[in-house]
Protein backbone atom coordinates (compact mmCIF):
# COMPACT_ATOMS: atom_id res chain seq x y z
CA UNK A 1 0.00 0.00 0.00
CA UNK A 2 1.23 3.46 -0.86
CA UNK A 3 0.52 6.72 0.94
CA UNK A 4 -0.88 9.73 -0.89
CA UNK A 5 -0.85 13.39 0.08
CA UNK A 6 -4.24 14.84 -0.76
CA UNK A 7 -4.29 18.61 -1.33
CA UNK A 8 -7.59 20.44 -1.33
CA UNK A 9 -7.55 23.40 -3.75
CA UNK A 10 -10.11 26.22 -3.66
CA UNK A 11 -10.38 29.81 -4.79
CA UNK A 12 -11.64 30.64 -1.29
CA UNK A 13 -9.14 30.41 1.58
CA UNK A 14 -9.71 28.05 4.49
CA UNK A 15 -10.17 31.10 6.74
CA UNK A 16 -12.93 32.43 4.46
CA UNK A 17 -14.55 29.01 4.25
CA UNK A 18 -14.76 28.89 8.04
CA UNK A 19 -16.53 32.26 8.23
CA UNK A 20 -20.02 30.84 8.08
CA UNK A 21 -22.90 30.29 10.44
CA UNK A 22 -22.43 27.76 13.20
CA UNK A 23 -25.14 25.55 11.67
CA UNK A 24 -23.49 25.62 8.22
CA UNK A 25 -20.10 24.88 9.80
CA UNK A 26 -21.50 21.90 11.69
CA UNK A 27 -23.19 20.58 8.54
CA UNK A 28 -19.95 20.90 6.57
CA UNK A 29 -17.95 19.17 9.32
CA UNK A 30 -20.53 16.37 9.41
CA UNK A 31 -20.15 15.90 5.64
CA UNK A 32 -16.38 15.56 6.11
CA UNK A 33 -16.82 13.08 8.95
CA UNK A 34 -19.30 11.07 6.85
CA UNK A 35 -16.75 10.93 4.01
CA UNK A 36 -13.97 9.91 6.44
CA UNK A 37 -16.20 7.22 7.93
CA UNK A 38 -16.93 5.82 4.47
CA UNK A 39 -13.22 5.91 3.56
CA UNK A 40 -12.42 4.01 6.75
CA UNK A 41 -8.86 2.85 7.39
CA UNK A 42 -7.70 4.39 4.09
CA UNK A 43 -7.59 7.75 5.89
CA UNK A 44 -4.20 7.80 7.63
CA UNK A 45 -4.47 11.47 8.64
CA UNK A 46 -7.68 13.47 8.13
CA UNK A 47 -5.49 16.57 8.03
CA UNK A 48 -6.49 20.13 8.67
CA UNK A 49 -7.32 23.39 6.93
CA UNK A 50 -4.24 25.41 6.03
CA UNK A 51 -3.78 29.08 6.89
CA UNK A 52 -1.57 31.85 5.57
CA UNK A 53 1.37 30.88 3.39
CA UNK A 54 4.99 31.99 3.80
CA UNK A 55 7.04 31.39 0.68
CA UNK A 56 10.72 30.83 1.47
CA UNK A 57 13.42 31.45 -1.13
CA UNK A 58 17.17 31.97 -0.92
CA UNK A 59 16.32 35.68 -0.58
CA UNK A 60 14.13 35.24 2.49
CA UNK A 61 10.48 34.65 3.34
CA UNK A 62 7.37 36.54 2.35
CA UNK A 63 3.61 36.16 2.45
CA UNK A 64 2.26 34.49 -0.65
CA UNK A 65 -1.03 33.26 -2.03
CA UNK A 66 -2.06 29.72 -2.85
CA UNK A 67 -5.14 27.75 -3.76
CA UNK A 68 -4.21 24.99 -1.30
CA UNK A 69 -6.78 25.13 1.49
CA UNK A 70 -6.04 21.90 3.35
CA UNK A 71 -4.63 18.38 3.22
CA UNK A 72 -5.22 14.76 4.16
CA UNK A 73 -3.14 11.61 3.87
CA UNK A 74 -4.68 8.41 2.55
CA UNK A 75 -3.34 4.94 1.90
CA UNK A 76 -4.31 2.96 -1.18
CA UNK A 77 -3.11 0.19 -3.49
CA UNK A 78 -2.42 2.65 -6.32
CA UNK A 79 -3.24 6.16 -7.60
CA UNK A 80 -6.55 5.03 -9.13
CA UNK A 81 -7.63 3.55 -5.80
CA UNK A 82 -6.60 6.78 -4.03
CA UNK A 83 -8.69 8.78 -6.50
CA UNK A 84 -11.65 6.46 -5.93
CA UNK A 85 -11.48 7.22 -2.20
CA UNK A 86 -12.21 10.86 -3.08
CA UNK A 87 -15.53 9.98 -4.76
CA UNK A 88 -18.26 12.06 -3.15
CA UNK A 89 -15.81 14.11 -1.09
CA UNK A 90 -17.56 17.27 0.22
CA UNK A 91 -14.65 19.50 -0.87
CA UNK A 92 -15.59 18.84 -4.50
CA UNK A 93 -18.56 21.21 -4.03
CA UNK A 94 -16.17 24.17 -3.79
CA UNK A 95 -12.87 23.12 -5.34
CA UNK A 96 -10.60 20.43 -6.69
CA UNK A 97 -8.49 17.71 -5.13
CA UNK A 98 -4.89 16.86 -6.09
CA UNK A 99 -3.44 13.50 -5.09
CA UNK A 100 0.35 13.09 -4.83
CA UNK A 101 1.99 9.75 -4.19
CA UNK A 102 4.39 10.01 -1.27
CA UNK A 103 7.53 8.44 -2.71
CA UNK A 104 9.71 6.30 -0.48
CA UNK A 105 13.09 7.76 0.39
CA UNK A 106 15.83 5.25 -0.44
CA UNK A 107 17.46 3.89 2.69
CA UNK A 108 14.78 5.20 5.03
C-alpha atoms as a PDB file:
ATOM      1  CA  UNK A   1       0.000   0.000   0.000  1.00  0.00           C
ATOM      2  CA  UNK A   2       1.235   3.465  -0.865  1.00  0.00           C
ATOM      3  CA  UNK A   3       0.517   6.716   0.940  1.00  0.00           C
ATOM      4  CA  UNK A   4      -0.880   9.726  -0.887  1.00  0.00           C
ATOM      5  CA  UNK A   5      -0.853  13.387   0.077  1.00  0.00           C
ATOM      6  CA  UNK A   6      -4.245  14.845  -0.759  1.00  0.00           C
ATOM      7  CA  UNK A   7      -4.286  18.611  -1.334  1.00  0.00           C
ATOM      8  CA  UNK A   8      -7.593  20.444  -1.328  1.00  0.00           C
ATOM      9  CA  UNK A   9      -7.555  23.401  -3.745  1.00  0.00           C
ATOM     10  CA  UNK A  10     -10.112  26.222  -3.657  1.00  0.00           C
ATOM     11  CA  UNK A  11     -10.384  29.813  -4.786  1.00  0.00           C
ATOM     12  CA  UNK A  12     -11.643  30.643  -1.289  1.00  0.00           C
ATOM     13  CA  UNK A  13      -9.142  30.412   1.585  1.00  0.00           C
ATOM     14  CA  UNK A  14      -9.715  28.050   4.494  1.00  0.00           C
ATOM     15  CA  UNK A  15     -10.172  31.104   6.741  1.00  0.00           C
ATOM     16  CA  UNK A  16     -12.926  32.433   4.463  1.00  0.00           C
ATOM     17  CA  UNK A  17     -14.553  29.011   4.247  1.00  0.00           C
ATOM     18  CA  UNK A  18     -14.764  28.888   8.043  1.00  0.00           C
ATOM     19  CA  UNK A  19     -16.530  32.265   8.233  1.00  0.00           C
ATOM     20  CA  UNK A  20     -20.015  30.845   8.079  1.00  0.00           C
ATOM     21  CA  UNK A  21     -22.898  30.294  10.439  1.00  0.00           C
ATOM     22  CA  UNK A  22     -22.433  27.759  13.196  1.00  0.00           C
ATOM     23  CA  UNK A  23     -25.139  25.551  11.675  1.00  0.00           C
ATOM     24  CA  UNK A  24     -23.487  25.619   8.222  1.00  0.00           C
ATOM     25  CA  UNK A  25     -20.096  24.879   9.803  1.00  0.00           C
ATOM     26  CA  UNK A  26     -21.501  21.904  11.690  1.00  0.00           C
ATOM     27  CA  UNK A  27     -23.191  20.580   8.544  1.00  0.00           C
ATOM     28  CA  UNK A  28     -19.948  20.904   6.575  1.00  0.00           C
ATOM     29  CA  UNK A  29     -17.954  19.171   9.319  1.00  0.00           C
ATOM     30  CA  UNK A  30     -20.529  16.366   9.410  1.00  0.00           C
ATOM     31  CA  UNK A  31     -20.152  15.897   5.642  1.00  0.00           C
ATOM     32  CA  UNK A  32     -16.375  15.563   6.106  1.00  0.00           C
ATOM     33  CA  UNK A  33     -16.820  13.076   8.947  1.00  0.00           C
ATOM     34  CA  UNK A  34     -19.299  11.073   6.851  1.00  0.00           C
ATOM     35  CA  UNK A  35     -16.751  10.935   4.011  1.00  0.00           C
ATOM     36  CA  UNK A  36     -13.968   9.907   6.441  1.00  0.00           C
ATOM     37  CA  UNK A  37     -16.197   7.216   7.926  1.00  0.00           C
ATOM     38  CA  UNK A  38     -16.933   5.817   4.469  1.00  0.00           C
ATOM     39  CA  UNK A  39     -13.223   5.906   3.557  1.00  0.00           C
ATOM     40  CA  UNK A  40     -12.423   4.009   6.755  1.00  0.00           C
ATOM     41  CA  UNK A  41      -8.864   2.850   7.386  1.00  0.00           C
ATOM     42  CA  UNK A  42      -7.704   4.389   4.094  1.00  0.00           C
ATOM     43  CA  UNK A  43      -7.591   7.753   5.894  1.00  0.00           C
ATOM     44  CA  UNK A  44      -4.205   7.803   7.625  1.00  0.00           C
ATOM     45  CA  UNK A  45      -4.466  11.474   8.644  1.00  0.00           C
ATOM     46  CA  UNK A  46      -7.677  13.474   8.129  1.00  0.00           C
ATOM     47  CA  UNK A  47      -5.486  16.571   8.025  1.00  0.00           C
ATOM     48  CA  UNK A  48      -6.487  20.134   8.674  1.00  0.00           C
ATOM     49  CA  UNK A  49      -7.325  23.387   6.932  1.00  0.00           C
ATOM     50  CA  UNK A  50      -4.237  25.408   6.033  1.00  0.00           C
ATOM     51  CA  UNK A  51      -3.782  29.076   6.886  1.00  0.00           C
ATOM     52  CA  UNK A  52      -1.574  31.852   5.570  1.00  0.00           C
ATOM     53  CA  UNK A  53       1.374  30.877   3.386  1.00  0.00           C
ATOM     54  CA  UNK A  54       4.989  31.986   3.804  1.00  0.00           C
ATOM     55  CA  UNK A  55       7.043  31.393   0.678  1.00  0.00           C
ATOM     56  CA  UNK A  56      10.722  30.829   1.471  1.00  0.00           C
ATOM     57  CA  UNK A  57      13.420  31.453  -1.127  1.00  0.00           C
ATOM     58  CA  UNK A  58      17.174  31.973  -0.924  1.00  0.00           C
ATOM     59  CA  UNK A  59      16.324  35.678  -0.582  1.00  0.00           C
ATOM     60  CA  UNK A  60      14.127  35.244   2.489  1.00  0.00           C
ATOM     61  CA  UNK A  61      10.481  34.645   3.343  1.00  0.00           C
ATOM     62  CA  UNK A  62       7.367  36.541   2.348  1.00  0.00           C
ATOM     63  CA  UNK A  63       3.611  36.159   2.448  1.00  0.00           C
ATOM     64  CA  UNK A  64       2.263  34.485  -0.653  1.00  0.00           C
ATOM     65  CA  UNK A  65      -1.033  33.257  -2.029  1.00  0.00           C
ATOM     66  CA  UNK A  66      -2.060  29.720  -2.846  1.00  0.00           C
ATOM     67  CA  UNK A  67      -5.143  27.752  -3.763  1.00  0.00           C
ATOM     68  CA  UNK A  68      -4.211  24.990  -1.296  1.00  0.00           C
ATOM     69  CA  UNK A  69      -6.785  25.134   1.487  1.00  0.00           C
ATOM     70  CA  UNK A  70      -6.035  21.900   3.349  1.00  0.00           C
ATOM     71  CA  UNK A  71      -4.627  18.384   3.222  1.00  0.00           C
ATOM     72  CA  UNK A  72      -5.221  14.764   4.161  1.00  0.00           C
ATOM     73  CA  UNK A  73      -3.135  11.608   3.867  1.00  0.00           C
ATOM     74  CA  UNK A  74      -4.678   8.409   2.554  1.00  0.00           C
ATOM     75  CA  UNK A  75      -3.339   4.935   1.903  1.00  0.00           C
ATOM     76  CA  UNK A  76      -4.312   2.961  -1.181  1.00  0.00           C
ATOM     77  CA  UNK A  77      -3.106   0.194  -3.491  1.00  0.00           C
ATOM     78  CA  UNK A  78      -2.422   2.653  -6.319  1.00  0.00           C
ATOM     79  CA  UNK A  79      -3.245   6.160  -7.597  1.00  0.00           C
ATOM     80  CA  UNK A  80      -6.548   5.031  -9.127  1.00  0.00           C
ATOM     81  CA  UNK A  81      -7.628   3.553  -5.801  1.00  0.00           C
ATOM     82  CA  UNK A  82      -6.604   6.776  -4.025  1.00  0.00           C
ATOM     83  CA  UNK A  83      -8.686   8.778  -6.502  1.00  0.00           C
ATOM     84  CA  UNK A  84     -11.649   6.462  -5.934  1.00  0.00           C
ATOM     85  CA  UNK A  85     -11.484   7.216  -2.199  1.00  0.00           C
ATOM     86  CA  UNK A  86     -12.209  10.862  -3.080  1.00  0.00           C
ATOM     87  CA  UNK A  87     -15.534   9.981  -4.756  1.00  0.00           C
ATOM     88  CA  UNK A  88     -18.262  12.062  -3.146  1.00  0.00           C
ATOM     89  CA  UNK A  89     -15.814  14.113  -1.087  1.00  0.00           C
ATOM     90  CA  UNK A  90     -17.561  17.267   0.223  1.00  0.00           C
ATOM     91  CA  UNK A  91     -14.653  19.500  -0.871  1.00  0.00           C
ATOM     92  CA  UNK A  92     -15.589  18.837  -4.503  1.00  0.00           C
ATOM     93  CA  UNK A  93     -18.555  21.209  -4.031  1.00  0.00           C
ATOM     94  CA  UNK A  94     -16.167  24.173  -3.791  1.00  0.00           C
ATOM     95  CA  UNK A  95     -12.871  23.124  -5.344  1.00  0.00           C
ATOM     96  CA  UNK A  96     -10.604  20.434  -6.691  1.00  0.00           C
ATOM     97  CA  UNK A  97      -8.490  17.707  -5.131  1.00  0.00           C
ATOM     98  CA  UNK A  98      -4.892  16.858  -6.086  1.00  0.00           C
ATOM     99  CA  UNK A  99      -3.437  13.495  -5.088  1.00  0.00           C
ATOM    100  CA  UNK A 100       0.348  13.092  -4.832  1.00  0.00           C
ATOM    101  CA  UNK A 101       1.994   9.747  -4.190  1.00  0.00           C
ATOM    102  CA  UNK A 102       4.394  10.007  -1.269  1.00  0.00           C
ATOM    103  CA  UNK A 103       7.534   8.442  -2.706  1.00  0.00           C
ATOM    104  CA  UNK A 104       9.710   6.303  -0.476  1.00  0.00           C
ATOM    105  CA  UNK A 105      13.093   7.764   0.388  1.00  0.00           C
ATOM    106  CA  UNK A 106      15.834   5.246  -0.445  1.00  0.00           C
ATOM    107  CA  UNK A 107      17.463   3.892   2.689  1.00  0.00           C
ATOM    108  CA  UNK A 108      14.780   5.201   5.031  1.00  0.00           C
END
